[in-house]
Amino acid sequence: MQSIRELYKIGFGPSSSHTIGPVRASGIFRNKNPKIENFKVTIYGSLAATGKGHHTDIAIEKTLFPKKVEIIWKPDEELPLHPNGLFFQALNENNSVVDEWTVYSIGGGDLKDSKGILNDKIVYKHKSLDDILSWCNNEGKTFWEYVEDCEGSDIWEFLEDVWRLMKATIINGLENEGVLPGEIRLPRKAATYYMKAMNSTGAVKNRGLLFAYALAVSEENANGGEIVTAPTCGSSGVLPALLYFLKREDHITDKRIVRALATAGLIGNIVKRNGSISGAEVGCQGEIGTACAMAAAAAAQVMGGSLRQIEYAAEMGLEHNLGLTCDPVGGYVQIPCIERNAIAAGKAQECAVYALFSDGGHKISFDRAVQTMVETGRDLQSAYRETGIGGLAKGWKPFNK
C-alpha cells in the first residue's frame, strides 16, 4: 500500500476526482510540454457527465493558464481503465499533435495511466487489515505504531499539518455564511446549526455540534475552499468533524487525535488498495462509506478501544453504507453530499460506541466488508455512479427554468 500521505491530500474543492486529479494531470502534462501554447483536453465518462458542476473545466484552464485550452466533453463514451478518463493533446503552431497522454482520475486525487498508478510507492508490506491485526497482536503494538514503523517518525509532522488544516477548515466553515455557488442556490447551514446547538443541551446539543462541524467542512469544500481529502473531497467532512467534536467535548489531546488520524489513514488505505474510493467506480459507498469507517476507527481508538474493537467499528462504518449511490444533483458536490457528511459523522460515532460496548467479536471482517463494497459497486448501474443521471439527480432542473 502507498503512504497515507497519498490519502490525505491538501487541495481545493469541490471534488478530488474532478478537480484535484485533473489539476495534477494538467500540471504534469504542462511541465512535460513547457514550450507548447495550445492544448486540447477531452474528458470522458462520469468525469464529463458531472464535470461542469464539479468545475473540472475551470480547474484545468487555471492550471494550464496562460496557454490556450480547448476542452471537449464526451459523457457518453468511456475509456477502458476507469469511468473518469482524460485525453491530453499538445499542439504546435501548425495545430499538429506533438504529444498526447491518456490518464484517469481514479479517486482521492490519484491518477492512473497505462503504466499504472502514478507515485505508487509501496510503503506497507501488508495488504489486508486481518494481516495487520495479526502483526500487531504478535508485536504487541497498536495500529498507529504500525503506521509509524512503516512510514517513519516524520509522518507525525505531516499529520500535525493535516490536523491543523482540518481544524482551520471547520473554524472557517462555522463563520462563513451565504449561498453556495451554482444553480442549486443552496444556502450554507453550518453557522446556524452551530448557534442552535450552542443554545441547546444534552444529546441534542452534542448531535447538533457534530452536524455543524461536518457541514462546515463540506460547505467549505463545495465553495472551492482548501480542505484535506479524507479520503475524498466529497467525503472530507466526516473524519475532522468527529475528531473535532471529541477534542472539544471529551478533551482529547492533539497528540491522541494525530495518532487517530494515522489509524484512520490506514483504514482508508486498505479500501484504496483492495477496493475503491471513487464514486464514479463504486458509488458513494466508496467515499462516504470509507470516510465513515475511517472516522469510526479513529473514534474507537481515542475512546480506548482494543484492536478488535477498532476493526469492528471500521467494519460497521463501511457495512452500514453498502449500496449508497453517488447521485449529485446538478453535478454539484452539494445535494446529497453535504448532508451525507453530517449524517455519516453521527453514524461513525454510533459505530464506535457500539463496538466499545462489545468485546470486539463479530462475524464479518473489515476485509470482507471491503470486498462486498467492491462487488456491490460493480452491480450498481452507471446512473448511480456519479454520472448525475440517476437517483436524486434524475430530471432535476433549476427552479427558475
Protein backbone atom coordinates (compact mmCIF):
# COMPACT_ATOMS: atom_id res chain seq x y z
CA MET A 1 0.00 0.00 0.00
CA GLN A 2 1.00 3.63 -0.55
CA SER A 3 1.87 6.11 2.14
CA ILE A 4 -1.08 7.74 3.87
CA ARG A 5 0.42 10.98 2.54
CA GLU A 6 -1.25 9.95 -0.72
CA LEU A 7 -4.59 9.56 1.08
CA TYR A 8 -4.63 12.85 2.99
CA LYS A 9 -4.13 15.33 0.17
CA ILE A 10 -4.36 19.06 0.82
CA GLY A 11 -6.14 20.83 -2.01
CA PHE A 12 -9.13 22.85 -3.09
CA GLY A 13 -12.67 21.52 -3.55
CA PRO A 14 -15.16 20.64 -4.63
CA SER A 15 -14.00 17.23 -5.85
CA SER A 16 -10.84 15.18 -5.52
CA SER A 17 -11.55 13.16 -8.66
CA HIS A 18 -12.97 16.07 -10.67
CA THR A 19 -10.71 18.93 -9.58
CA ILE A 20 -7.63 17.78 -7.64
CA GLY A 21 -6.96 14.85 -10.01
CA PRO A 22 -7.37 16.85 -13.25
CA VAL A 23 -5.27 19.68 -11.79
CA ARG A 24 -2.45 17.24 -11.05
CA ALA A 25 -2.74 15.68 -14.52
CA SER A 26 -2.78 19.09 -16.23
CA GLY A 27 0.31 20.17 -14.31
CA ILE A 28 2.20 17.02 -15.27
CA PHE A 29 1.34 17.37 -18.98
CA ARG A 30 2.12 21.11 -18.99
CA ASN A 31 5.53 20.53 -17.41
CA LYS A 32 6.24 17.84 -19.97
CA ASN A 33 5.47 20.30 -22.77
CA PRO A 34 6.72 23.68 -21.48
CA LYS A 35 7.03 25.34 -24.91
CA ILE A 36 3.58 24.36 -26.15
CA GLU A 37 0.99 27.17 -26.34
CA ASN A 38 -2.09 25.15 -27.32
CA PHE A 39 -3.64 22.19 -25.56
CA LYS A 40 -6.70 20.06 -26.20
CA VAL A 41 -8.26 18.08 -23.35
CA THR A 42 -11.01 15.53 -23.96
CA ILE A 43 -12.97 14.49 -20.89
CA TYR A 44 -14.81 11.16 -20.84
CA GLY A 45 -17.48 9.22 -18.98
CA SER A 46 -18.53 10.13 -15.49
CA LEU A 47 -15.85 12.81 -15.33
CA ALA A 48 -17.54 14.57 -18.25
CA ALA A 49 -21.09 13.88 -17.10
CA THR A 50 -20.71 15.89 -13.89
CA GLY A 51 -17.61 17.88 -14.78
CA LYS A 52 -19.37 21.22 -15.18
CA GLY A 53 -20.86 21.11 -11.69
CA HIS A 54 -17.54 19.94 -10.28
CA HIS A 55 -15.61 22.78 -12.00
CA THR A 56 -13.39 20.36 -13.90
CA ASP A 57 -13.02 22.68 -16.89
CA ILE A 58 -12.23 25.68 -14.69
CA ALA A 59 -9.61 23.66 -12.78
CA ILE A 60 -7.90 22.55 -16.00
CA GLU A 61 -7.98 26.02 -17.55
CA LYS A 62 -6.50 27.62 -14.44
CA THR A 63 -3.71 25.05 -14.30
CA LEU A 64 -2.75 25.48 -17.97
CA PHE A 65 -3.14 29.28 -17.99
CA PRO A 66 -1.94 31.34 -19.88
CA LYS A 67 -1.85 28.60 -22.50
CA LYS A 68 -4.86 28.17 -24.79
CA VAL A 69 -7.05 25.21 -23.92
CA GLU A 70 -9.82 23.52 -25.89
CA ILE A 71 -11.99 21.25 -23.78
CA ILE A 72 -14.17 18.55 -25.34
CA TRP A 73 -16.84 16.73 -23.33
CA LYS A 74 -17.73 13.09 -24.07
CA PRO A 75 -20.03 11.95 -21.23
CA ASP A 76 -21.45 9.04 -23.23
CA GLU A 77 -18.07 7.50 -24.00
CA GLU A 78 -15.81 5.72 -21.51
CA LEU A 79 -12.13 4.88 -21.82
CA PRO A 80 -11.18 1.31 -20.86
CA LEU A 81 -9.49 1.60 -17.45
CA HIS A 82 -11.83 3.85 -15.42
CA PRO A 83 -15.01 5.95 -15.84
CA ASN A 84 -13.03 9.17 -15.19
CA GLY A 85 -10.87 9.44 -18.31
CA LEU A 86 -8.82 12.36 -19.66
CA PHE A 87 -7.03 12.60 -23.02
CA PHE A 88 -4.43 15.39 -23.25
CA GLN A 89 -3.01 16.62 -26.54
CA ALA A 90 -0.24 19.18 -27.10
CA LEU A 91 -0.50 21.10 -30.37
CA ASN A 92 2.25 23.03 -32.18
CA GLU A 93 1.84 26.26 -34.15
CA ASN A 94 0.60 24.26 -37.15
CA ASN A 95 -2.07 22.65 -34.97
CA SER A 96 -0.37 19.27 -35.27
CA VAL A 97 -0.31 16.91 -32.29
CA VAL A 98 3.21 16.63 -30.85
CA ASP A 99 2.38 14.80 -27.64
CA GLU A 100 -0.60 13.03 -26.09
CA TRP A 101 -1.45 11.28 -22.85
CA THR A 102 -4.41 9.23 -21.64
CA VAL A 103 -4.83 9.37 -17.88
CA TYR A 104 -7.54 8.51 -15.35
CA SER A 105 -8.61 10.30 -12.18
CA ILE A 106 -9.32 7.27 -10.01
CA GLY A 107 -10.49 8.89 -6.78
CA GLY A 108 -8.96 10.85 -3.93
CA GLY A 109 -6.90 12.89 -6.40
CA ASP A 110 -4.91 9.84 -7.53
CA LEU A 111 -4.01 9.30 -11.19
CA LYS A 112 -3.51 6.21 -13.30
CA ASP A 113 -2.32 5.69 -16.85
CA SER A 114 -1.39 2.67 -18.96
CA LYS A 115 1.74 2.16 -16.83
CA GLY A 116 -0.19 2.03 -13.56
CA ILE A 117 -0.90 4.35 -10.64
CA LEU A 118 1.33 7.41 -10.53
CA ASN A 119 3.57 7.75 -7.44
CA ASP A 120 2.63 4.21 -6.43
CA LYS A 121 5.48 3.66 -3.98
CA ILE A 122 4.85 0.71 -1.68
CA VAL A 123 5.22 1.66 1.98
CA TYR A 124 3.16 -1.00 3.77
CA LYS A 125 4.13 -4.63 3.42
CA HIS A 126 0.70 -5.96 4.47
CA LYS A 127 -2.33 -5.72 2.19
CA SER A 128 -5.24 -6.59 4.48
CA LEU A 129 -6.44 -5.50 7.91
CA ASP A 130 -6.52 -9.13 9.04
CA ASP A 131 -2.79 -9.42 8.34
CA ILE A 132 -2.09 -6.10 10.08
CA LEU A 133 -4.15 -7.21 13.09
CA SER A 134 -2.14 -10.41 13.30
CA TRP A 135 1.13 -8.49 13.10
CA CYS A 136 0.05 -6.01 15.78
CA ASN A 137 -1.05 -8.79 18.10
CA ASN A 138 2.25 -10.64 17.63
CA GLU A 139 4.30 -7.47 18.20
CA GLY A 140 2.12 -6.08 20.99
CA LYS A 141 1.68 -2.86 19.04
CA THR A 142 -1.24 -0.59 18.10
CA PHE A 143 -2.38 0.41 14.62
CA TRP A 144 -0.76 3.83 14.91
CA GLU A 145 2.53 2.26 15.94
CA TYR A 146 2.32 0.05 12.86
CA VAL A 147 1.87 3.20 10.76
CA GLU A 148 4.95 4.76 12.38
CA ASP A 149 7.01 1.63 11.79
CA CYS A 150 6.10 1.69 8.08
CA GLU A 151 6.12 5.44 7.43
CA GLY A 152 8.90 6.63 9.75
CA SER A 153 8.70 9.13 12.59
CA ASP A 154 8.38 12.11 10.22
CA ILE A 155 4.81 11.03 9.48
CA TRP A 156 3.76 12.82 12.68
CA GLU A 157 4.81 16.24 11.40
CA PHE A 158 2.77 15.61 8.26
CA LEU A 159 -0.29 14.52 10.24
CA GLU A 160 0.05 17.52 12.55
CA ASP A 161 -0.19 19.75 9.46
CA VAL A 162 -3.22 17.77 8.29
CA TRP A 163 -4.93 18.24 11.66
CA ARG A 164 -4.16 21.98 11.71
CA LEU A 165 -5.82 22.43 8.33
CA MET A 166 -8.80 20.28 9.30
CA LYS A 167 -9.37 22.48 12.35
CA ALA A 168 -8.94 25.66 10.32
CA THR A 169 -11.47 24.45 7.75
CA ILE A 170 -14.05 23.81 10.47
CA ILE A 171 -13.48 27.21 12.04
CA ASN A 172 -13.77 28.95 8.67
CA GLY A 173 -16.88 26.99 7.77
CA LEU A 174 -18.61 27.92 11.01
CA GLU A 175 -18.01 31.60 10.30
CA ASN A 176 -18.82 31.75 6.60
CA GLU A 177 -22.43 32.22 5.52
CA GLY A 178 -24.30 32.86 2.29
CA VAL A 179 -25.25 30.84 -0.77
CA LEU A 180 -23.00 28.19 -2.30
CA PRO A 181 -22.06 28.64 -5.98
CA GLY A 182 -24.14 27.05 -8.72
CA GLU A 183 -27.67 26.76 -9.97
CA ILE A 184 -28.98 24.96 -6.89
CA ARG A 185 -28.54 28.14 -4.83
CA LEU A 186 -28.07 26.11 -1.68
CA PRO A 187 -27.61 28.22 1.49
CA ARG A 188 -24.90 27.34 3.99
CA LYS A 189 -26.22 25.87 7.24
CA ALA A 190 -23.13 25.26 9.43
CA ALA A 191 -23.26 28.64 11.20
CA THR A 192 -26.95 28.38 12.13
CA TYR A 193 -26.62 24.73 13.18
CA TYR A 194 -23.73 25.71 15.43
CA MET A 195 -25.64 28.55 17.10
CA LYS A 196 -28.73 26.40 17.61
CA ALA A 197 -26.59 23.63 19.07
CA MET A 198 -24.89 26.03 21.47
CA ASN A 199 -28.32 27.13 22.69
CA SER A 200 -29.41 23.52 23.24
CA THR A 201 -28.50 21.00 25.93
CA GLY A 202 -27.70 17.33 26.34
CA ALA A 203 -27.86 14.90 23.45
CA VAL A 204 -29.45 17.46 21.10
CA LYS A 205 -26.56 19.87 21.66
CA ASN A 206 -23.96 17.16 21.08
CA ARG A 207 -25.50 15.92 17.89
CA GLY A 208 -26.08 19.46 16.64
CA LEU A 209 -22.42 20.35 17.18
CA LEU A 210 -21.27 17.24 15.34
CA PHE A 211 -23.57 18.10 12.43
CA ALA A 212 -22.31 21.69 12.39
CA TYR A 213 -18.66 20.64 12.20
CA ALA A 214 -19.31 18.26 9.32
CA LEU A 215 -21.39 20.86 7.48
CA ALA A 216 -18.64 23.44 7.99
CA VAL A 217 -16.05 21.33 6.16
CA SER A 218 -18.42 20.14 3.43
CA GLU A 219 -19.65 23.65 2.71
CA GLU A 220 -16.10 24.96 2.51
CA ASN A 221 -15.37 22.15 0.06
CA ALA A 222 -18.47 22.91 -2.04
CA ASN A 223 -17.36 26.54 -2.18
CA GLY A 224 -13.94 25.55 -3.55
CA GLY A 225 -12.12 26.13 -0.26
CA GLU A 226 -8.98 24.41 0.99
CA ILE A 227 -9.62 21.02 2.57
CA VAL A 228 -7.96 17.67 3.29
CA THR A 229 -9.21 14.65 1.36
CA ALA A 230 -10.43 12.08 3.89
CA PRO A 231 -10.46 10.07 1.74
CA THR A 232 -12.03 12.35 -0.92
CA CYS A 233 -13.21 15.95 -1.18
CA GLY A 234 -16.86 14.92 -1.26
CA SER A 235 -16.46 12.98 1.99
CA SER A 236 -13.96 15.31 3.65
CA GLY A 237 -16.27 16.45 6.47
CA VAL A 238 -16.83 13.17 8.30
CA LEU A 239 -13.46 12.45 9.94
CA PRO A 240 -12.48 16.00 11.00
CA ALA A 241 -15.99 16.65 12.37
CA LEU A 242 -15.93 13.66 14.72
CA LEU A 243 -12.35 14.23 15.85
CA TYR A 244 -13.00 17.95 16.47
CA PHE A 245 -16.11 17.04 18.45
CA LEU A 246 -14.19 14.53 20.59
CA LYS A 247 -11.38 17.01 21.17
CA ARG A 248 -13.75 19.72 22.39
CA GLU A 249 -16.29 17.66 24.30
CA ASP A 250 -14.08 14.89 25.71
CA HIS A 251 -10.89 16.97 25.97
CA ILE A 252 -8.86 14.65 23.76
CA THR A 253 -5.32 15.93 23.24
CA ASP A 254 -3.95 16.82 19.79
CA LYS A 255 -1.35 14.08 20.19
CA ARG A 256 -4.04 11.42 20.54
CA ILE A 257 -6.01 12.96 17.69
CA VAL A 258 -2.98 12.78 15.38
CA ARG A 259 -2.47 9.13 16.30
CA ALA A 260 -6.13 8.53 15.47
CA LEU A 261 -5.54 10.16 12.07
CA ALA A 262 -2.80 7.59 11.47
CA THR A 263 -5.21 4.73 12.20
CA ALA A 264 -7.95 6.31 10.09
CA GLY A 265 -5.46 6.71 7.24
CA LEU A 266 -4.57 3.04 7.50
CA ILE A 267 -8.25 2.10 7.17
CA GLY A 268 -8.69 4.37 4.16
CA ASN A 269 -5.54 2.99 2.56
CA ILE A 270 -6.84 -0.57 2.78
CA VAL A 271 -10.04 0.43 0.98
CA LYS A 272 -7.98 2.20 -1.71
CA ARG A 273 -5.75 -0.85 -2.15
CA ASN A 274 -8.39 -3.58 -2.09
CA GLY A 275 -11.49 -1.67 -3.18
CA SER A 276 -12.08 1.86 -4.40
CA ILE A 277 -12.76 5.34 -3.04
CA SER A 278 -14.08 6.58 -6.39
CA GLY A 279 -17.79 7.45 -6.57
CA ALA A 280 -17.60 7.01 -10.34
CA GLU A 281 -16.42 3.43 -9.87
CA VAL A 282 -18.37 2.12 -6.84
CA GLY A 283 -20.84 4.84 -5.86
CA CYS A 284 -20.85 6.93 -2.71
CA GLN A 285 -20.33 3.83 -0.55
CA GLY A 286 -16.67 4.12 -1.58
CA GLU A 287 -16.48 7.75 -0.47
CA ILE A 288 -18.85 8.31 2.45
CA GLY A 289 -18.66 4.64 3.43
CA THR A 290 -14.88 4.77 3.65
CA ALA A 291 -14.95 8.10 5.48
CA CYS A 292 -17.41 6.67 7.99
CA ALA A 293 -15.18 3.63 8.53
CA MET A 294 -12.12 5.84 9.00
CA ALA A 295 -13.90 8.09 11.50
CA ALA A 296 -15.40 5.15 13.40
CA ALA A 297 -11.97 3.52 13.77
CA ALA A 298 -10.38 6.81 14.86
CA ALA A 299 -13.10 7.45 17.44
CA ALA A 300 -12.92 3.92 18.81
CA GLN A 301 -9.17 4.33 19.28
CA VAL A 302 -9.29 7.67 21.11
CA MET A 303 -12.04 6.31 23.35
CA GLY A 304 -9.80 3.45 24.44
CA GLY A 305 -10.87 0.65 22.14
CA SER A 306 -8.89 -2.54 21.60
CA LEU A 307 -7.52 -3.52 18.21
CA ARG A 308 -10.50 -5.79 17.59
CA GLN A 309 -12.98 -3.12 18.68
CA ILE A 310 -11.35 -0.59 16.35
CA GLU A 311 -11.56 -3.06 13.46
CA TYR A 312 -15.20 -3.77 14.36
CA ALA A 313 -16.07 -0.06 14.37
CA ALA A 314 -14.48 0.37 10.93
CA GLU A 315 -16.31 -2.67 9.58
CA MET A 316 -19.67 -1.33 10.73
CA GLY A 317 -18.92 2.09 9.30
CA LEU A 318 -18.45 0.53 5.87
CA GLU A 319 -21.08 -2.19 6.17
CA HIS A 320 -23.91 0.18 7.01
CA ASN A 321 -23.20 2.33 3.97
CA LEU A 322 -23.18 -0.55 1.48
CA GLY A 323 -25.17 0.24 -1.64
CA LEU A 324 -25.01 4.02 -1.17
CA THR A 325 -25.37 5.64 -4.58
CA CYS A 326 -23.49 8.64 -5.96
CA ASP A 327 -26.17 10.89 -7.46
CA PRO A 328 -25.05 14.53 -7.21
CA VAL A 329 -27.90 16.86 -8.09
CA GLY A 330 -26.91 19.11 -10.97
CA GLY A 331 -23.41 17.66 -10.83
CA TYR A 332 -22.58 19.75 -7.77
CA VAL A 333 -20.97 18.39 -4.59
CA GLN A 334 -23.90 19.74 -2.58
CA ILE A 335 -27.05 17.58 -2.64
CA PRO A 336 -26.97 14.96 -1.16
CA CYS A 337 -23.23 15.18 -0.45
CA ILE A 338 -23.19 17.85 2.27
CA GLU A 339 -25.94 16.29 4.38
CA ARG A 340 -24.39 12.86 3.95
CA ASN A 341 -21.20 14.06 5.62
CA ALA A 342 -23.18 15.20 8.67
CA ILE A 343 -25.21 12.00 8.91
CA ALA A 344 -22.13 9.82 8.37
CA ALA A 345 -20.28 11.62 11.17
CA GLY A 346 -23.12 10.73 13.53
CA LYS A 347 -23.16 7.16 12.25
CA ALA A 348 -19.40 6.85 12.75
CA GLN A 349 -19.76 7.89 16.38
CA GLU A 350 -22.53 5.32 16.86
CA CYS A 351 -20.39 2.57 15.28
CA ALA A 352 -17.51 3.41 17.62
CA VAL A 353 -19.72 3.36 20.73
CA TYR A 354 -21.44 0.15 19.63
CA ALA A 355 -18.06 -1.55 19.12
CA LEU A 356 -16.82 -0.35 22.51
CA PHE A 357 -19.82 -1.91 24.25
CA SER A 358 -18.93 -5.25 22.65
CA ASP A 359 -15.96 -7.49 23.34
CA GLY A 360 -14.81 -6.85 19.76
CA GLY A 361 -16.04 -10.19 18.47
CA HIS A 362 -18.03 -10.16 15.22
CA LYS A 363 -18.68 -12.41 12.22
CA ILE A 364 -17.93 -10.15 9.24
CA SER A 365 -14.38 -8.84 8.98
CA PHE A 366 -13.49 -5.39 7.68
CA ASP A 367 -11.67 -7.01 4.75
CA ARG A 368 -14.86 -8.90 3.81
CA ALA A 369 -16.85 -5.67 4.00
CA VAL A 370 -14.38 -4.03 1.58
CA GLN A 371 -14.73 -6.94 -0.83
CA THR A 372 -18.52 -6.72 -0.60
CA MET A 373 -18.42 -2.99 -1.26
CA VAL A 374 -16.46 -3.56 -4.47
CA GLU A 375 -18.86 -6.28 -5.61
CA THR A 376 -21.84 -4.06 -4.83
CA GLY A 377 -20.25 -1.17 -6.72
CA ARG A 378 -19.82 -3.30 -9.82
CA ASP A 379 -23.51 -4.24 -9.64
CA LEU A 380 -24.67 -0.61 -9.46
CA GLN A 381 -25.96 0.79 -12.73
CA SER A 382 -23.82 3.60 -14.13
CA ALA A 383 -26.71 6.01 -13.47
CA TYR A 384 -25.91 5.67 -9.76
CA ARG A 385 -22.15 6.14 -10.06
CA GLU A 386 -21.52 9.89 -10.27
CA THR A 387 -22.99 10.39 -13.72
CA GLY A 388 -25.71 12.72 -12.46
CA ILE A 389 -28.44 10.95 -14.45
CA GLY A 390 -30.00 8.71 -11.79
CA GLY A 391 -31.33 8.80 -8.26
CA LEU A 392 -31.84 12.22 -6.72
CA ALA A 393 -30.13 13.84 -9.71
CA LYS A 394 -32.54 12.39 -12.25
CA GLY A 395 -34.50 15.07 -14.06
CA TRP A 396 -33.50 17.86 -11.69
CA LYS A 397 -33.94 21.35 -13.10
CA PRO A 398 -33.25 24.75 -11.54
CA PHE A 399 -36.43 26.16 -10.02
CA ASN A 400 -36.32 29.22 -12.27
CA LYS A 401 -36.24 27.27 -15.52
